[in-house]
């Protein structure tokens, strides 16, 4: 019996010791981690910090994407512009240049640029269009720059080239983009707060008269509408020259105020109805190359996104290419069947063309010293005339 009690007591003591051993660690303070554990903790903390940075960066990316999506969903800004022209509504220059440019640009930009074209004189006098852009009445225009000679007399030499040289459409483009013409024109318009887009190459400018003109001599003492260099050339040859704005030419011919008109290309002149009252037409034309400007306000241009600037430049080139073949094709049609257009062609002798060329060179050389811009244009175009005329008999390079 005593032995049993002793074993029971020993068992109780052992159980107490086991329980005490189990409870003691829970009550005792935690032991400090070893060096290996501390290193692992540090690495995990670094990974956590890096992950938090990645999360922040992703949140920024999400924010940027949300802004881009919002911008794309936002309706594009529409630019509504008013462009003037120096030509009448029925003319080829108005339809094939300004109207074509406005329509094509609207198509390419999906309506983002909407230009309303106005014929010459409808919104304001042609000679005031440059100031019209500066004051906001117009946003841009197409015009012969000679109408702005009041700003700079040297601009008289802007549109034309010396006579007697067989310029092609390509030649005019070469002068603009390979011989410095574009820089001259861009700089000049820039001084007036206007961005020059381009000049369009035009073909010959024939004379139209209400009577037969088989030679230069037939013009002596006659009343002719002309302007700028052409006017000065014909005045030197004894013609009574007067300047009349394009929208008034038809009426002047109809009333007998003038008997002869020197304006622009065959297609435009016919489109204006000029050959209805002045059917006698000199071909080939005395003037073989002219340039016609397209501009927009500088402030408007500067505010445009690059994509729209690119669209404007691209469309302007498209329109010029189409305009060149439209002019040439129309001229070929008229030459093939002049009766269908009510035209009677007159042809001048080589001697007459030689005299015109020589007189033209006199006028160009007389213009030197007028203005700084005028000198730059004259010197550049005279030099170019020598290049082009190398194999042409009417002009001899000096």
Protein backbone atom coordinates (compact mmCIF):
# COMPACT_ATOMS: atom_id res chain seq x y z
CA UNK A 1 0.00 0.00 0.00
CA UNK A 2 2.83 2.40 0.91
CA UNK A 3 4.60 1.54 -2.34
CA UNK A 4 1.49 2.42 -4.33
CA UNK A 5 1.15 5.77 -2.56
CA UNK A 6 4.83 6.52 -3.20
CA UNK A 7 4.44 5.82 -6.91
CA UNK A 8 1.38 8.00 -7.01
CA UNK A 9 3.27 10.86 -5.33
CA UNK A 10 6.22 10.50 -7.69
CA UNK A 11 3.80 10.57 -10.69
CA UNK A 12 2.17 13.71 -9.39
CA UNK A 13 5.51 15.44 -8.98
CA UNK A 14 6.62 14.45 -12.51
CA UNK A 15 3.35 15.72 -14.00
CA UNK A 16 3.80 19.00 -12.17
CA UNK A 17 7.31 19.35 -13.51
CA UNK A 18 6.15 18.65 -17.12
CA UNK A 19 3.36 21.24 -16.86
CA UNK A 20 5.74 23.77 -15.40
CA UNK A 21 8.16 23.17 -18.26
CA UNK A 22 5.39 23.71 -20.80
CA UNK A 23 4.11 26.89 -19.16
CA UNK A 24 7.46 28.52 -18.46
CA UNK A 25 8.40 29.48 -22.08
CA UNK A 26 5.06 31.27 -22.59
CA UNK A 27 5.68 33.41 -19.60
CA UNK A 28 9.36 34.06 -20.24
CA UNK A 29 10.51 37.05 -22.42
CA UNK A 30 11.08 36.25 -26.22
CA UNK A 31 14.58 35.54 -27.23
CA UNK A 32 16.24 38.03 -29.67
CA UNK A 33 16.33 36.79 -33.33
CA UNK A 34 19.54 35.51 -34.64
CA UNK A 35 21.65 37.36 -37.30
CA UNK A 36 20.26 35.22 -40.14
CA UNK A 37 16.64 36.00 -39.22
CA UNK A 38 17.41 39.73 -38.96
CA UNK A 39 18.86 39.69 -42.51
CA UNK A 40 15.79 38.00 -43.91
CA UNK A 41 13.54 40.57 -42.24
CA UNK A 42 15.55 43.42 -43.73
CA UNK A 43 15.31 41.89 -47.22
CA UNK A 44 11.56 41.47 -46.89
CA UNK A 45 11.18 45.05 -45.72
CA UNK A 46 13.18 46.23 -48.80
CA UNK A 47 10.98 44.14 -51.09
CA UNK A 48 7.91 45.64 -49.46
CA UNK A 49 9.17 49.18 -50.01
CA UNK A 50 9.98 48.42 -53.67
CA UNK A 51 6.54 46.94 -54.21
CA UNK A 52 4.94 50.02 -52.70
CA UNK A 53 6.88 52.18 -55.17
CA UNK A 54 5.69 50.00 -58.06
CA UNK A 55 2.13 50.39 -56.86
CA UNK A 56 2.56 54.18 -56.78
CA UNK A 57 3.99 54.15 -60.30
CA UNK A 58 1.13 52.00 -61.57
CA UNK A 59 -1.35 54.34 -59.96
CA UNK A 60 0.29 57.24 -61.84
CA UNK A 61 0.10 55.27 -65.11
CA UNK A 62 -3.55 54.55 -64.52
CA UNK A 63 -4.18 58.24 -63.88
CA UNK A 64 -2.41 59.21 -67.12
CA UNK A 65 -4.39 56.65 -69.10
CA UNK A 66 -7.62 57.90 -67.62
CA UNK A 67 -6.72 61.45 -68.71
CA UNK A 68 -5.87 60.28 -72.24
CA UNK A 69 -9.12 58.37 -72.51
CA UNK A 70 -11.04 61.42 -71.31
CA UNK A 71 -9.27 63.62 -73.87
CA UNK A 72 -10.10 61.17 -76.67
CA UNK A 73 -13.73 61.05 -75.61
CA UNK A 74 -13.87 64.86 -75.52
CA UNK A 75 -15.23 66.32 -78.81
CA UNK A 76 -12.44 67.77 -81.00
CA UNK A 77 -12.29 71.54 -81.21
CA UNK A 78 -13.80 72.84 -84.44
CA UNK A 79 -12.14 75.79 -86.18
CA UNK A 80 -14.51 77.91 -88.23
CA UNK A 81 -12.65 80.29 -90.52
CA UNK A 82 -13.53 82.92 -93.09
CA UNK A 83 -11.25 83.14 -96.11
CA UNK A 84 -11.45 85.90 -98.69
CA UNK A 85 -10.40 85.80 -102.34
CA UNK A 86 -9.42 88.40 -104.90
CA UNK A 87 -11.41 86.53 -107.57
CA UNK A 88 -15.06 86.30 -108.52
CA UNK A 89 -17.19 83.27 -107.65
CA UNK A 90 -17.20 81.95 -111.23
CA UNK A 91 -13.44 82.06 -111.74
CA UNK A 92 -11.20 79.00 -111.85
CA UNK A 93 -8.90 80.52 -109.22
CA UNK A 94 -11.79 80.79 -106.78
CA UNK A 95 -13.25 77.35 -107.48
CA UNK A 96 -10.09 75.32 -108.16
CA UNK A 97 -7.97 76.89 -105.41
CA UNK A 98 -9.88 78.37 -102.48
CA UNK A 99 -13.09 76.32 -102.67
CA UNK A 100 -11.15 73.12 -103.42
CA UNK A 101 -8.79 73.82 -100.52
CA UNK A 102 -11.66 74.45 -98.10
CA UNK A 103 -13.60 71.34 -99.16
CA UNK A 104 -10.62 68.99 -99.09
CA UNK A 105 -9.35 70.31 -95.74
CA UNK A 106 -12.77 69.82 -94.21
CA UNK A 107 -12.76 66.24 -95.48
CA UNK A 108 -9.24 65.42 -94.30
CA UNK A 109 -9.78 66.88 -90.81
CA UNK A 110 -13.23 65.26 -90.54
CA UNK A 111 -14.90 68.63 -90.11
CA UNK A 112 -12.43 69.99 -87.58
CA UNK A 113 -11.46 72.86 -89.91
CA UNK A 114 -14.45 74.46 -91.59
CA UNK A 115 -13.58 77.27 -94.03
CA UNK A 116 -16.19 79.50 -95.61
CA UNK A 117 -14.77 80.97 -98.87
CA UNK A 118 -15.85 84.48 -99.91
CA UNK A 119 -15.44 85.82 -103.48
CA UNK A 120 -13.51 88.99 -104.12
CA UNK A 121 -14.93 92.13 -102.55
CA UNK A 122 -17.78 90.36 -100.73
CA UNK A 123 -16.51 90.95 -97.21
CA UNK A 124 -14.10 93.81 -97.83
CA UNK A 125 -12.08 95.50 -100.58
CA UNK A 126 -9.42 93.19 -102.02
CA UNK A 127 -6.60 95.62 -101.25
CA UNK A 128 -7.56 95.55 -97.55
CA UNK A 129 -7.54 91.77 -97.03
CA UNK A 130 -4.07 91.75 -95.50
CA UNK A 131 -5.23 94.16 -92.80
CA UNK A 132 -8.47 92.19 -92.60
CA UNK A 133 -6.55 89.16 -91.32
CA UNK A 134 -4.63 91.30 -88.84
CA UNK A 135 -7.86 92.75 -87.43
CA UNK A 136 -9.77 89.45 -87.39
CA UNK A 137 -12.32 90.22 -90.10
CA UNK A 138 -10.75 87.42 -92.11
CA UNK A 139 -8.84 84.36 -90.97
CA UNK A 140 -6.98 83.96 -94.26
CA UNK A 141 -7.19 84.55 -98.01
CA UNK A 142 -6.02 83.68 -101.51
CA UNK A 143 -4.79 86.61 -103.59
CA UNK A 144 -2.26 88.17 -105.92
CA UNK A 145 0.19 89.83 -103.56
CA UNK A 146 0.45 92.89 -105.84
CA UNK A 147 -2.80 94.10 -104.30
CA UNK A 148 -0.76 94.90 -101.17
CA UNK A 149 1.80 97.13 -102.85
CA UNK A 150 0.59 99.90 -100.55
CA UNK A 151 2.52 98.11 -97.79
CA UNK A 152 5.69 97.63 -99.83
CA UNK A 153 6.20 98.87 -103.39
CA UNK A 154 8.66 96.05 -104.01
CA UNK A 155 5.82 93.53 -103.81
CA UNK A 156 5.02 94.56 -107.40
CA UNK A 157 7.53 91.90 -108.47
CA UNK A 158 6.01 89.14 -106.33
CA UNK A 159 3.63 87.43 -108.74
CA UNK A 160 5.31 87.57 -112.12
CA UNK A 161 8.55 86.48 -113.75
CA UNK A 162 10.43 88.29 -116.55
CA UNK A 163 8.76 87.78 -119.94
CA UNK A 164 10.17 85.85 -122.86
CA UNK A 165 11.17 82.83 -120.82
CA UNK A 166 9.34 79.47 -121.29
CA UNK A 167 8.71 78.78 -117.61
CA UNK A 168 6.88 75.58 -116.76
CA UNK A 169 4.84 74.89 -113.64
CA UNK A 170 7.84 72.94 -112.39
CA UNK A 171 10.11 75.94 -112.92
CA UNK A 172 7.94 78.11 -110.69
CA UNK A 173 8.00 75.47 -107.97
CA UNK A 174 11.77 75.17 -108.29
CA UNK A 175 12.14 78.92 -107.78
CA UNK A 176 9.95 78.79 -104.68
CA UNK A 177 11.47 75.77 -102.97
CA UNK A 178 14.99 75.48 -104.40
CA UNK A 179 15.95 79.12 -105.08
CA UNK A 180 14.74 80.79 -101.89
CA UNK A 181 11.36 82.16 -102.97
CA UNK A 182 9.42 80.47 -100.17
CA UNK A 183 11.68 82.00 -97.51
CA UNK A 184 11.27 85.49 -98.99
CA UNK A 185 7.50 85.24 -99.08
CA UNK A 186 7.19 83.65 -95.66
CA UNK A 187 9.36 86.36 -94.08
CA UNK A 188 7.43 89.19 -95.71
CA UNK A 189 3.98 87.98 -94.67
CA UNK A 190 5.36 87.17 -91.21
CA UNK A 191 6.12 90.86 -90.66
CA UNK A 192 2.37 91.50 -90.89
CA UNK A 193 1.29 88.72 -88.53
CA UNK A 194 0.37 86.34 -91.34
CA UNK A 195 1.54 82.79 -91.95
CA UNK A 196 2.36 82.04 -95.60
CA UNK A 197 1.15 78.56 -96.57
CA UNK A 198 2.21 78.49 -100.23
CA UNK A 199 1.97 80.14 -103.62
CA UNK A 200 0.17 78.33 -106.43
CA UNK A 201 1.81 78.10 -109.86
CA UNK A 202 -0.24 79.60 -112.69
CA UNK A 203 0.22 79.22 -116.40
CA UNK A 204 0.23 81.97 -119.01
CA UNK A 205 -1.88 85.13 -118.82
CA UNK A 206 -3.24 85.89 -122.30
CA UNK A 207 -4.62 89.24 -123.45
CA UNK A 208 -8.31 89.49 -124.39
CA UNK A 209 -9.69 92.29 -126.56
CA UNK A 210 -12.93 93.40 -128.13
CA UNK A 211 -11.11 93.83 -131.47
CA UNK A 212 -8.48 91.80 -133.37
CA UNK A 213 -4.95 92.17 -131.95
CA UNK A 214 -2.61 90.51 -134.41
CA UNK A 215 0.45 92.44 -133.24
CA UNK A 216 1.76 94.72 -130.53
CA UNK A 217 1.16 97.65 -132.84
CA UNK A 218 -2.60 97.00 -132.73
CA UNK A 219 -2.58 97.90 -129.03
CA UNK A 220 -1.08 101.35 -129.37
CA UNK A 221 -3.42 103.97 -127.92
CA UNK A 222 -5.97 101.36 -126.77
CA UNK A 223 -7.43 101.30 -123.27
CA UNK A 224 -6.18 98.26 -121.35
CA UNK A 225 -6.90 96.94 -117.90
CA UNK A 226 -3.66 95.78 -116.35
CA UNK A 227 -1.61 96.25 -113.23
CA UNK A 228 1.85 95.99 -111.78
CA UNK A 229 4.71 94.88 -114.07
CA UNK A 230 2.49 93.99 -117.03
CA UNK A 231 0.88 97.41 -116.87
CA UNK A 232 4.26 99.12 -116.86
CA UNK A 233 5.53 97.02 -119.77
CA UNK A 234 2.52 97.79 -121.97
CA UNK A 235 2.55 101.45 -120.94
CA UNK A 236 6.15 101.68 -122.19
CA UNK A 237 4.88 100.30 -125.52
CA UNK A 238 2.26 103.00 -125.94
CA UNK A 239 -0.83 101.37 -124.41
CA UNK A 240 -3.18 103.42 -122.18
CA UNK A 241 -3.17 101.30 -119.01
CA UNK A 242 -5.63 101.56 -116.13
CA UNK A 243 -6.00 99.44 -112.99
CA UNK A 244 -9.39 97.85 -112.27
CA UNK A 245 -10.16 95.31 -109.55
CA UNK A 246 -11.10 91.81 -110.75
CA UNK A 247 -14.83 91.94 -109.86
CA UNK A 248 -15.23 95.11 -111.98
CA UNK A 249 -13.43 93.97 -115.16
CA UNK A 250 -16.43 92.42 -116.94
CA UNK A 251 -18.55 95.53 -116.49
CA UNK A 252 -15.70 97.77 -117.64
CA UNK A 253 -15.37 95.75 -120.86
CA UNK A 254 -19.12 95.73 -121.36
CA UNK A 255 -19.35 99.51 -121.01
CA UNK A 256 -16.32 100.21 -123.19
CA UNK A 257 -14.32 101.73 -120.34
CA UNK A 258 -11.56 99.40 -121.49
CA UNK A 259 -11.00 97.55 -124.78
CA UNK A 260 -8.32 95.09 -123.69
CA UNK A 261 -7.83 93.13 -120.49
CA UNK A 262 -4.69 91.60 -119.03
CA UNK A 263 -5.66 89.65 -115.92
CA UNK A 264 -4.85 86.02 -115.30
CA UNK A 265 -5.08 82.51 -116.77
CA UNK A 266 -7.29 81.46 -119.67
CA UNK A 267 -9.43 79.24 -117.42
CA UNK A 268 -10.09 82.01 -114.90
CA UNK A 269 -10.73 84.66 -117.56
CA UNK A 270 -13.25 82.45 -119.36
CA UNK A 271 -14.87 81.53 -116.04
CA UNK A 272 -15.34 85.24 -115.33
CA UNK A 273 -17.07 85.66 -118.69
CA UNK A 274 -14.42 88.05 -120.02
CA UNK A 275 -14.23 86.40 -123.44
CA UNK A 276 -17.95 87.00 -123.94
CA UNK A 277 -17.19 90.71 -124.45
CA UNK A 278 -13.50 90.38 -125.44
CA UNK A 279 -13.22 87.24 -127.59
CA UNK A 280 -9.93 88.07 -129.37
CA UNK A 281 -7.22 86.25 -127.41
CA UNK A 282 -3.45 86.32 -127.83
CA UNK A 283 -1.74 82.93 -127.57
CA UNK A 284 0.89 82.06 -126.55
CA UNK A 285 0.58 84.50 -123.69
CA UNK A 286 3.03 87.32 -123.01
CA UNK A 287 3.32 86.23 -119.36
CA UNK A 288 4.22 82.58 -118.93
CA UNK A 289 4.33 82.22 -115.15
CA UNK A 290 2.61 83.82 -112.16
CA UNK A 291 2.25 83.01 -108.46
CA UNK A 292 -0.91 83.22 -106.33
CA UNK A 293 -0.73 83.24 -102.52
CA UNK A 294 -2.59 81.30 -99.81
CA UNK A 295 -2.19 82.55 -96.22
CA UNK A 296 -3.69 82.31 -92.72
CA UNK A 297 -3.29 84.45 -89.60
CA UNK A 298 -0.12 83.70 -87.61
CA UNK A 299 -1.94 83.57 -84.26
CA UNK A 300 -4.38 81.04 -85.66
CA UNK A 301 -1.55 78.94 -87.07
CA UNK A 302 0.50 79.04 -83.86
CA UNK A 303 -2.44 77.76 -81.78
CA UNK A 304 -3.13 74.77 -84.02
CA UNK A 305 -1.97 71.28 -83.02
CA UNK A 306 0.78 69.92 -85.25
CA UNK A 307 -1.56 67.36 -86.79
CA UNK A 308 -3.77 70.11 -88.22
CA UNK A 309 -0.79 72.11 -89.46
CA UNK A 310 0.38 69.01 -91.30
CA UNK A 311 -3.10 68.57 -92.77
CA UNK A 312 -3.13 72.16 -94.07
CA UNK A 313 0.28 71.83 -95.72
CA UNK A 314 -0.57 68.48 -97.27
CA UNK A 315 -3.92 69.64 -98.63
CA UNK A 316 -2.36 72.81 -100.07
CA UNK A 317 0.06 70.65 -102.07
CA UNK A 318 -2.74 68.33 -103.19
CA UNK A 319 -4.76 71.29 -104.42
CA UNK A 320 -1.83 72.75 -106.32
CA UNK A 321 -1.13 69.50 -108.17
CA UNK A 322 -4.79 69.25 -109.15
CA UNK A 323 -4.86 72.94 -110.09
CA UNK A 324 -1.87 72.56 -112.42
CA UNK A 325 -3.38 69.76 -114.48
CA UNK A 326 -6.84 71.37 -114.42
CA UNK A 327 -5.38 74.55 -115.94
CA UNK A 328 -3.37 72.68 -118.55
CA UNK A 329 -6.21 70.35 -119.52
CA UNK A 330 -8.64 73.26 -119.84
CA UNK A 331 -6.20 75.22 -121.99
CA UNK A 332 -5.76 72.21 -124.27
CA UNK A 333 -9.54 71.85 -124.62
CA UNK A 334 -9.91 75.52 -125.58
CA UNK A 335 -7.05 75.40 -128.06
CA UNK A 336 -8.56 72.30 -129.67
CA UNK A 337 -12.01 73.87 -130.11
CA UNK A 338 -11.98 77.65 -129.58
CA UNK A 339 -15.36 78.08 -131.30
CA UNK A 340 -17.00 76.14 -128.49
CA UNK A 341 -15.82 78.84 -126.11
CA UNK A 342 -16.51 81.78 -128.41
CA UNK A 343 -12.79 82.59 -128.70
CA UNK A 344 -10.80 83.86 -131.66
CA UNK A 345 -7.08 83.30 -131.24
CA UNK A 346 -4.49 85.82 -132.43
CA UNK A 347 -0.78 84.99 -132.62
CA UNK A 348 2.06 87.50 -132.43
CA UNK A 349 5.38 87.32 -134.22
CA UNK A 350 8.65 86.33 -132.64
CA UNK A 351 9.76 89.95 -133.08
CA UNK A 352 6.84 91.14 -130.93
CA UNK A 353 7.65 88.63 -128.20
CA UNK A 354 11.30 89.66 -128.33
CA UNK A 355 10.30 93.30 -127.88
CA UNK A 356 8.05 92.38 -124.95
CA UNK A 357 10.87 90.41 -123.33
CA UNK A 358 13.35 93.26 -123.71
CA UNK A 359 10.86 95.80 -122.34
CA UNK A 360 10.06 93.47 -119.45
CA UNK A 361 13.75 93.26 -118.50
CA UNK A 362 13.94 97.07 -118.52
CA UNK A 363 11.02 97.25 -116.09
CA UNK A 364 12.56 94.64 -113.82
CA UNK A 365 15.92 96.36 -113.74
CA UNK A 366 14.29 99.75 -113.12
CA UNK A 367 12.70 98.29 -110.01
CA UNK A 368 16.04 97.76 -108.28
CA UNK A 369 16.49 100.16 -105.38
CA UNK A 370 12.76 100.52 -104.68
CA UNK A 371 12.64 98.52 -101.43
CA UNK A 372 14.76 95.90 -99.73
CA UNK A 373 12.18 93.20 -100.35
CA UNK A 374 11.77 94.29 -103.96
CA UNK A 375 15.52 94.03 -104.54
CA UNK A 376 15.62 90.52 -103.14
CA UNK A 377 12.78 89.34 -105.38
CA UNK A 378 14.10 91.07 -108.50
CA UNK A 379 17.66 89.83 -108.12
CA UNK A 380 16.48 86.29 -107.42
CA UNK A 381 14.05 86.11 -110.35
CA UNK A 382 16.43 87.74 -112.84
CA UNK A 383 19.07 85.18 -111.91
CA UNK A 384 16.52 82.39 -112.28
CA UNK A 385 15.42 83.72 -115.67
CA UNK A 386 19.00 83.31 -116.88
CA UNK A 387 18.96 79.70 -115.73
CA UNK A 388 15.71 78.86 -117.50
CA UNK A 389 16.39 80.89 -120.63
CA UNK A 390 19.69 79.22 -121.45
CA UNK A 391 18.23 77.52 -124.54
CA UNK A 392 15.45 80.00 -125.33
CA UNK A 393 15.87 82.63 -128.07
CA UNK A 394 13.78 85.49 -126.68
CA UNK A 395 16.00 86.38 -123.75
CA UNK A 396 19.77 86.52 -123.74
CA UNK A 397 21.41 86.13 -120.33
CA UNK A 398 23.52 89.18 -119.53
